[in-house]
Amino acid sequence: MVKLPGVISNSSVITLNFAIGMLVSCITGIMSIGFLLRYVQTKDFLPFAWYRFILGALVIIIAMVRQ
């Protein structure tokens, strides 16, 4: 894992791939936040709640089966 103080002190870590990765992750994050803010303004959390209940039940079932 690359941490910011290490990047600042060692500029050889900043390559083209590293810079592109940071840029893409920044753009993706901003787009995701924008989408989710628009979504919760117009719709409710019911699909998310069902997803969490189903995922939680699956995790519990898998944990019980693995014991």
PDB file of N, CA and C in Angstrom:
ATOM      1  N   MET A   1       0.841  -1.168   0.000  1.00  0.00           N
ATOM      2  CA  MET A   1       0.000   0.000   0.000  1.00  0.00           C
ATOM      3  C   MET A   1       0.889   1.234   0.000  1.00  0.00           C
ATOM      4  N   VAL A   2       0.502   2.201  -0.795  1.00  0.00           N
ATOM      5  CA  VAL A   2       1.255   3.448  -0.885  1.00  0.00           C
ATOM      6  C   VAL A   2       0.549   4.484  -0.022  1.00  0.00           C
ATOM      7  N   LYS A   3       1.301   5.130   0.868  1.00  0.00           N
ATOM      8  CA  LYS A   3       0.733   6.170   1.727  1.00  0.00           C
ATOM      9  C   LYS A   3       1.284   7.521   1.301  1.00  0.00           C
ATOM     10  N   LEU A   4       0.493   8.555   1.502  1.00  0.00           N
ATOM     11  CA  LEU A   4       0.838   9.891   1.031  1.00  0.00           C
ATOM     12  C   LEU A   4       2.200  10.385   1.502  1.00  0.00           C
ATOM     13  N   PRO A   5       2.571  10.237   2.781  1.00  0.00           N
ATOM     14  CA  PRO A   5       3.908  10.718   3.168  1.00  0.00           C
ATOM     15  C   PRO A   5       5.033  10.012   2.399  1.00  0.00           C
ATOM     16  N   GLY A   6       4.853   8.730   2.112  1.00  0.00           N
ATOM     17  CA  GLY A   6       5.858   8.001   1.340  1.00  0.00           C
ATOM     18  C   GLY A   6       5.944   8.489  -0.093  1.00  0.00           C
ATOM     19  N   VAL A   7       4.811   8.851  -0.651  1.00  0.00           N
ATOM     20  CA  VAL A   7       4.793   9.364  -2.027  1.00  0.00           C
ATOM     21  C   VAL A   7       5.460  10.725  -2.087  1.00  0.00           C
ATOM     22  N   ILE A   8       5.177  11.566  -1.106  1.00  0.00           N
ATOM     23  CA  ILE A   8       5.750  12.910  -1.100  1.00  0.00           C
ATOM     24  C   ILE A   8       7.270  12.850  -0.935  1.00  0.00           C
ATOM     25  N   SER A   9       7.748  11.966  -0.065  1.00  0.00           N
ATOM     26  CA  SER A   9       9.190  11.900   0.178  1.00  0.00           C
ATOM     27  C   SER A   9       9.935  11.139  -0.917  1.00  0.00           C
ATOM     28  N   ASN A  10       9.237  10.311  -1.696  1.00  0.00           N
ATOM     29  CA  ASN A  10       9.878   9.514  -2.747  1.00  0.00           C
ATOM     30  C   ASN A  10       9.117   9.744  -4.046  1.00  0.00           C
ATOM     31  N   SER A  11       9.527  10.728  -4.815  1.00  0.00           N
ATOM     32  CA  SER A  11       8.795  11.099  -6.019  1.00  0.00           C
ATOM     33  C   SER A  11       8.890  10.055  -7.121  1.00  0.00           C
ATOM     34  N   SER A  12       9.768   9.057  -6.989  1.00  0.00           N
ATOM     35  CA  SER A  12       9.864   8.024  -8.025  1.00  0.00           C
ATOM     36  C   SER A  12       8.652   7.099  -7.994  1.00  0.00           C
ATOM     37  N   VAL A  13       7.862   7.161  -6.923  1.00  0.00           N
ATOM     38  CA  VAL A  13       6.649   6.341  -6.829  1.00  0.00           C
ATOM     39  C   VAL A  13       5.580   6.864  -7.773  1.00  0.00           C
ATOM     40  N   ILE A  14       5.584   8.150  -8.040  1.00  0.00           N
ATOM     41  CA  ILE A  14       4.561   8.758  -8.889  1.00  0.00           C
ATOM     42  C   ILE A  14       4.908   8.481 -10.349  1.00  0.00           C
ATOM     43  N   THR A  15       4.261   7.458 -10.879  1.00  0.00           N
ATOM     44  CA  THR A  15       4.440   7.100 -12.286  1.00  0.00           C
ATOM     45  C   THR A  15       3.176   7.500 -13.043  1.00  0.00           C
ATOM     46  N   LEU A  16       3.187   7.295 -14.341  1.00  0.00           N
ATOM     47  CA  LEU A  16       2.018   7.622 -15.151  1.00  0.00           C
ATOM     48  C   LEU A  16       0.831   6.755 -14.736  1.00  0.00           C
ATOM     49  N   ASN A  17       1.071   5.475 -14.515  1.00  0.00           N
ATOM     50  CA  ASN A  17      -0.013   4.583 -14.098  1.00  0.00           C
ATOM     51  C   ASN A  17      -0.592   5.004 -12.752  1.00  0.00           C
ATOM     52  N   PHE A  18       0.267   5.401 -11.817  1.00  0.00           N
ATOM     53  CA  PHE A  18      -0.176   5.864 -10.503  1.00  0.00           C
ATOM     54  C   PHE A  18      -1.042   7.106 -10.646  1.00  0.00           C
ATOM     55  N   ALA A  19      -0.610   8.062 -11.447  1.00  0.00           N
ATOM     56  CA  ALA A  19      -1.360   9.309 -11.645  1.00  0.00           C
ATOM     57  C   ALA A  19      -2.703   9.037 -12.325  1.00  0.00           C
ATOM     58  N   ILE A  20      -2.721   8.155 -13.325  1.00  0.00           N
ATOM     59  CA  ILE A  20      -3.967   7.810 -14.007  1.00  0.00           C
ATOM     60  C   ILE A  20      -4.919   7.112 -13.038  1.00  0.00           C
ATOM     61  N   GLY A  21      -4.387   6.223 -12.222  1.00  0.00           N
ATOM     62  CA  GLY A  21      -5.211   5.525 -11.235  1.00  0.00           C
ATOM     63  C   GLY A  21      -5.834   6.478 -10.238  1.00  0.00           C
ATOM     64  N   MET A  22      -5.055   7.445  -9.764  1.00  0.00           N
ATOM     65  CA  MET A  22      -5.595   8.429  -8.827  1.00  0.00           C
ATOM     66  C   MET A  22      -6.671   9.285  -9.489  1.00  0.00           C
ATOM     67  N   LEU A  23      -6.426   9.703 -10.720  1.00  0.00           N
ATOM     68  CA  LEU A  23      -7.395  10.527 -11.434  1.00  0.00           C
ATOM     69  C   LEU A  23      -8.694   9.768 -11.680  1.00  0.00           C
ATOM     70  N   VAL A  24      -8.587   8.523 -12.128  1.00  0.00           N
ATOM     71  CA  VAL A  24      -9.778   7.712 -12.394  1.00  0.00           C
ATOM     72  C   VAL A  24     -10.554   7.457 -11.104  1.00  0.00           C
ATOM     73  N   SER A  25      -9.859   7.173 -10.008  1.00  0.00           N
ATOM     74  CA  SER A  25     -10.560   6.926  -8.745  1.00  0.00           C
ATOM     75  C   SER A  25     -11.238   8.194  -8.240  1.00  0.00           C
ATOM     76  N   CYS A  26     -10.630   9.347  -8.439  1.00  0.00           N
ATOM     77  CA  CYS A  26     -11.239  10.614  -8.044  1.00  0.00           C
ATOM     78  C   CYS A  26     -12.509  10.879  -8.851  1.00  0.00           C
ATOM     79  N   ILE A  27     -12.432  10.728 -10.157  1.00  0.00           N
ATOM     80  CA  ILE A  27     -13.592  10.961 -11.025  1.00  0.00           C
ATOM     81  C   ILE A  27     -14.706   9.972 -10.702  1.00  0.00           C
ATOM     82  N   THR A  28     -14.363   8.697 -10.513  1.00  0.00           N
ATOM     83  CA  THR A  28     -15.357   7.684 -10.183  1.00  0.00           C
ATOM     84  C   THR A  28     -16.023   7.983  -8.850  1.00  0.00           C
ATOM     85  N   GLY A  29     -15.246   8.405  -7.868  1.00  0.00           N
ATOM     86  CA  GLY A  29     -15.809   8.751  -6.565  1.00  0.00           C
ATOM     87  C   GLY A  29     -16.770   9.918  -6.642  1.00  0.00           C
ATOM     88  N   ILE A  30     -16.393  10.959  -7.365  1.00  0.00           N
ATOM     89  CA  ILE A  30     -17.260  12.134  -7.511  1.00  0.00           C
ATOM     90  C   ILE A  30     -18.551  11.755  -8.228  1.00  0.00           C
ATOM     91  N   MET A  31     -18.453  10.946  -9.278  1.00  0.00           N
ATOM     92  CA  MET A  31     -19.646  10.518 -10.016  1.00  0.00           C
ATOM     93  C   MET A  31     -20.552   9.649  -9.141  1.00  0.00           C
ATOM     94  N   SER A  32     -19.964   8.765  -8.359  1.00  0.00           N
ATOM     95  CA  SER A  32     -20.753   7.890  -7.485  1.00  0.00           C
ATOM     96  C   SER A  32     -21.488   8.696  -6.428  1.00  0.00           C
ATOM     97  N   ILE A  33     -20.810   9.647  -5.814  1.00  0.00           N
ATOM     98  CA  ILE A  33     -21.443  10.488  -4.796  1.00  0.00           C
ATOM     99  C   ILE A  33     -22.578  11.296  -5.420  1.00  0.00           C
ATOM    100  N   GLY A  34     -22.347  11.849  -6.593  1.00  0.00           N
ATOM    101  CA  GLY A  34     -23.395  12.611  -7.278  1.00  0.00           C
ATOM    102  C   GLY A  34     -24.609  11.755  -7.594  1.00  0.00           C
ATOM    103  N   PHE A  35     -24.378  10.540  -8.096  1.00  0.00           N
ATOM    104  CA  PHE A  35     -25.476   9.631  -8.409  1.00  0.00           C
ATOM    105  C   PHE A  35     -26.264   9.276  -7.157  1.00  0.00           C
ATOM    106  N   LEU A  36     -25.553   8.923  -6.088  1.00  0.00           N
ATOM    107  CA  LEU A  36     -26.240   8.524  -4.861  1.00  0.00           C
ATOM    108  C   LEU A  36     -27.013   9.683  -4.234  1.00  0.00           C
ATOM    109  N   LEU A  37     -26.477  10.892  -4.282  1.00  0.00           N
ATOM    110  CA  LEU A  37     -27.217  12.041  -3.750  1.00  0.00           C
ATOM    111  C   LEU A  37     -28.488  12.300  -4.546  1.00  0.00           C
ATOM    112  N   ARG A  38     -28.417  12.214  -5.873  1.00  0.00           N
ATOM    113  CA  ARG A  38     -29.620  12.380  -6.694  1.00  0.00           C
ATOM    114  C   ARG A  38     -30.616  11.259  -6.433  1.00  0.00           C
ATOM    115  N   TYR A  39     -30.115  10.037  -6.257  1.00  0.00           N
ATOM    116  CA  TYR A  39     -30.984   8.882  -6.033  1.00  0.00           C
ATOM    117  C   TYR A  39     -31.770   9.026  -4.737  1.00  0.00           C
ATOM    118  N   VAL A  40     -31.110   9.384  -3.647  1.00  0.00           N
ATOM    119  CA  VAL A  40     -31.812   9.473  -2.358  1.00  0.00           C
ATOM    120  C   VAL A  40     -32.735  10.691  -2.285  1.00  0.00           C
ATOM    121  N   GLN A  41     -32.545  11.667  -3.150  1.00  0.00           N
ATOM    122  CA  GLN A  41     -33.466  12.801  -3.180  1.00  0.00           C
ATOM    123  C   GLN A  41     -34.773  12.438  -3.863  1.00  0.00           C
ATOM    124  N   THR A  42     -34.743  11.472  -4.781  1.00  0.00           N
ATOM    125  CA  THR A  42     -35.943  11.132  -5.547  1.00  0.00           C
ATOM    126  C   THR A  42     -36.558   9.798  -5.148  1.00  0.00           C
ATOM    127  N   LYS A  43     -35.798   8.932  -4.501  1.00  0.00           N
ATOM    128  CA  LYS A  43     -36.298   7.606  -4.154  1.00  0.00           C
ATOM    129  C   LYS A  43     -36.008   7.322  -2.688  1.00  0.00           C
ATOM    130  N   ASP A  44     -36.568   6.211  -2.202  1.00  0.00           N
ATOM    131  CA  ASP A  44     -36.341   5.859  -0.810  1.00  0.00           C
ATOM    132  C   ASP A  44     -35.246   4.794  -0.692  1.00  0.00           C
ATOM    133  N   PHE A  45     -34.993   4.380   0.535  1.00  0.00           N
ATOM    134  CA  PHE A  45     -33.921   3.440   0.819  1.00  0.00           C
ATOM    135  C   PHE A  45     -34.393   1.989   0.817  1.00  0.00           C
ATOM    136  N   LEU A  46     -35.620   1.714   0.416  1.00  0.00           N
ATOM    137  CA  LEU A  46     -36.163   0.362   0.485  1.00  0.00           C
ATOM    138  C   LEU A  46     -35.339  -0.674  -0.290  1.00  0.00           C
ATOM    139  N   PRO A  47     -34.921  -0.425  -1.539  1.00  0.00           N
ATOM    140  CA  PRO A  47     -34.089  -1.431  -2.217  1.00  0.00           C
ATOM    141  C   PRO A  47     -32.775  -1.695  -1.478  1.00  0.00           C
ATOM    142  N   PHE A  48     -32.174  -0.652  -0.932  1.00  0.00           N
ATOM    143  CA  PHE A  48     -30.934  -0.814  -0.184  1.00  0.00           C
ATOM    144  C   PHE A  48     -31.179  -1.626   1.081  1.00  0.00           C
ATOM    145  N   ALA A  49     -32.302  -1.368   1.751  1.00  0.00           N
ATOM    146  CA  ALA A  49     -32.624  -2.107   2.973  1.00  0.00           C
ATOM    147  C   ALA A  49     -32.821  -3.589   2.671  1.00  0.00           C
ATOM    148  N   TRP A  50     -33.546  -3.912   1.620  1.00  0.00           N
ATOM    149  CA  TRP A  50     -33.736  -5.319   1.254  1.00  0.00           C
ATOM    150  C   TRP A  50     -32.418  -5.983   0.892  1.00  0.00           C
ATOM    151  N   TYR A  51     -31.584  -5.269   0.170  1.00  0.00           N
ATOM    152  CA  TYR A  51     -30.266  -5.795  -0.192  1.00  0.00           C
ATOM    153  C   TYR A  51     -29.462  -6.117   1.067  1.00  0.00           C
ATOM    154  N   ARG A  52     -29.488  -5.225   2.053  1.00  0.00           N
ATOM    155  CA  ARG A  52     -28.730  -5.435   3.295  1.00  0.00           C
ATOM    156  C   ARG A  52     -29.294  -6.611   4.091  1.00  0.00           C
ATOM    157  N   PHE A  53     -30.632  -6.730   4.152  1.00  0.00           N
ATOM    158  CA  PHE A  53     -31.232  -7.857   4.866  1.00  0.00           C
ATOM    159  C   PHE A  53     -30.858  -9.184   4.214  1.00  0.00           C
ATOM    160  N   ILE A  54     -30.946  -9.254   2.891  1.00  0.00           N
ATOM    161  CA  ILE A  54     -30.621 -10.493   2.173  1.00  0.00           C
ATOM    162  C   ILE A  54     -29.139 -10.817   2.314  1.00  0.00           C
ATOM    163  N   LEU A  55     -28.283  -9.821   2.152  1.00  0.00           N
ATOM    164  CA  LEU A  55     -26.848 -10.053   2.299  1.00  0.00           C
ATOM    165  C   LEU A  55     -26.504 -10.489   3.723  1.00  0.00           C
ATOM    166  N   GLY A  56     -27.111  -9.862   4.714  1.00  0.00           N
ATOM    167  CA  GLY A  56     -26.877 -10.231   6.102  1.00  0.00           C
ATOM    168  C   GLY A  56     -27.306 -11.668   6.385  1.00  0.00           C
ATOM    169  N   ALA A  57     -28.475 -12.060   5.859  1.00  0.00           N
ATOM    170  CA  ALA A  57     -28.945 -13.439   6.042  1.00  0.00           C
ATOM    171  C   ALA A  57     -27.989 -14.432   5.385  1.00  0.00           C
ATOM    172  N   LEU A  58     -27.506 -14.110   4.190  1.00  0.00           N
ATOM    173  CA  LEU A  58     -26.555 -14.996   3.500  1.00  0.00           C
ATOM    174  C   LEU A  58     -25.255 -15.140   4.274  1.00  0.00           C
ATOM    175  N   VAL A  59     -24.763 -14.061   4.824  1.00  0.00           N
ATOM    176  CA  VAL A  59     -23.528 -14.100   5.611  1.00  0.00           C
ATOM    177  C   VAL A  59     -23.722 -14.978   6.842  1.00  0.00           C
ATOM    178  N   ILE A  60     -24.858 -14.836   7.513  1.00  0.00           N
ATOM    179  CA  ILE A  60     -25.141 -15.666   8.688  1.00  0.00           C
ATOM    180  C   ILE A  60     -25.242 -17.137   8.309  1.00  0.00           C
ATOM    181  N   ILE A  61     -25.939 -17.429   7.221  1.00  0.00           N
ATOM    182  CA  ILE A  61     -26.089 -18.822   6.769  1.00  0.00           C
ATOM    183  C   ILE A  61     -24.734 -19.420   6.414  1.00  0.00           C
ATOM    184  N   ILE A  62     -23.925 -18.689   5.666  1.00  0.00           N
ATOM    185  CA  ILE A  62     -22.596 -19.198   5.277  1.00  0.00           C
ATOM    186  C   ILE A  62     -21.718 -19.412   6.497  1.00  0.00           C
ATOM    187  N   ALA A  63     -21.795 -18.487   7.475  1.00  0.00           N
ATOM    188  CA  ALA A  63     -21.009 -18.636   8.688  1.00  0.00           C
ATOM    189  C   ALA A  63     -21.438 -19.868   9.475  1.00  0.00           C
ATOM    190  N   MET A  64     -22.731 -20.161   9.503  1.00  0.00           N
ATOM    191  CA  MET A  64     -23.232 -21.323  10.235  1.00  0.00           C
ATOM    192  C   MET A  64     -22.846 -22.615   9.535  1.00  0.00           C
ATOM    193  N   VAL A  65     -22.859 -22.614   8.205  1.00  0.00           N
ATOM    194  CA  VAL A  65     -22.525 -23.814   7.438  1.00  0.00           C
ATOM    195  C   VAL A  65     -21.047 -24.145   7.571  1.00  0.00           C
ATOM    196  N   ARG A  66     -20.196 -23.144   7.639  1.00  0.00           N
ATOM    197  CA  ARG A  66     -18.738 -23.368   7.694  1.00  0.00           C
ATOM    198  C   ARG A  66     -18.249 -23.873   9.040  1.00  0.00           C
ATOM    199  N   GLN A  67     -19.072 -23.807  10.059  1.00  0.00           N
ATOM    200  CA  GLN A  67     -18.612 -24.241  11.400  1.00  0.00           C
ATOM    201  C   GLN A  67     -18.541 -25.712  11.488  1.00  0.00           C
TER     202      GLN A  67
END
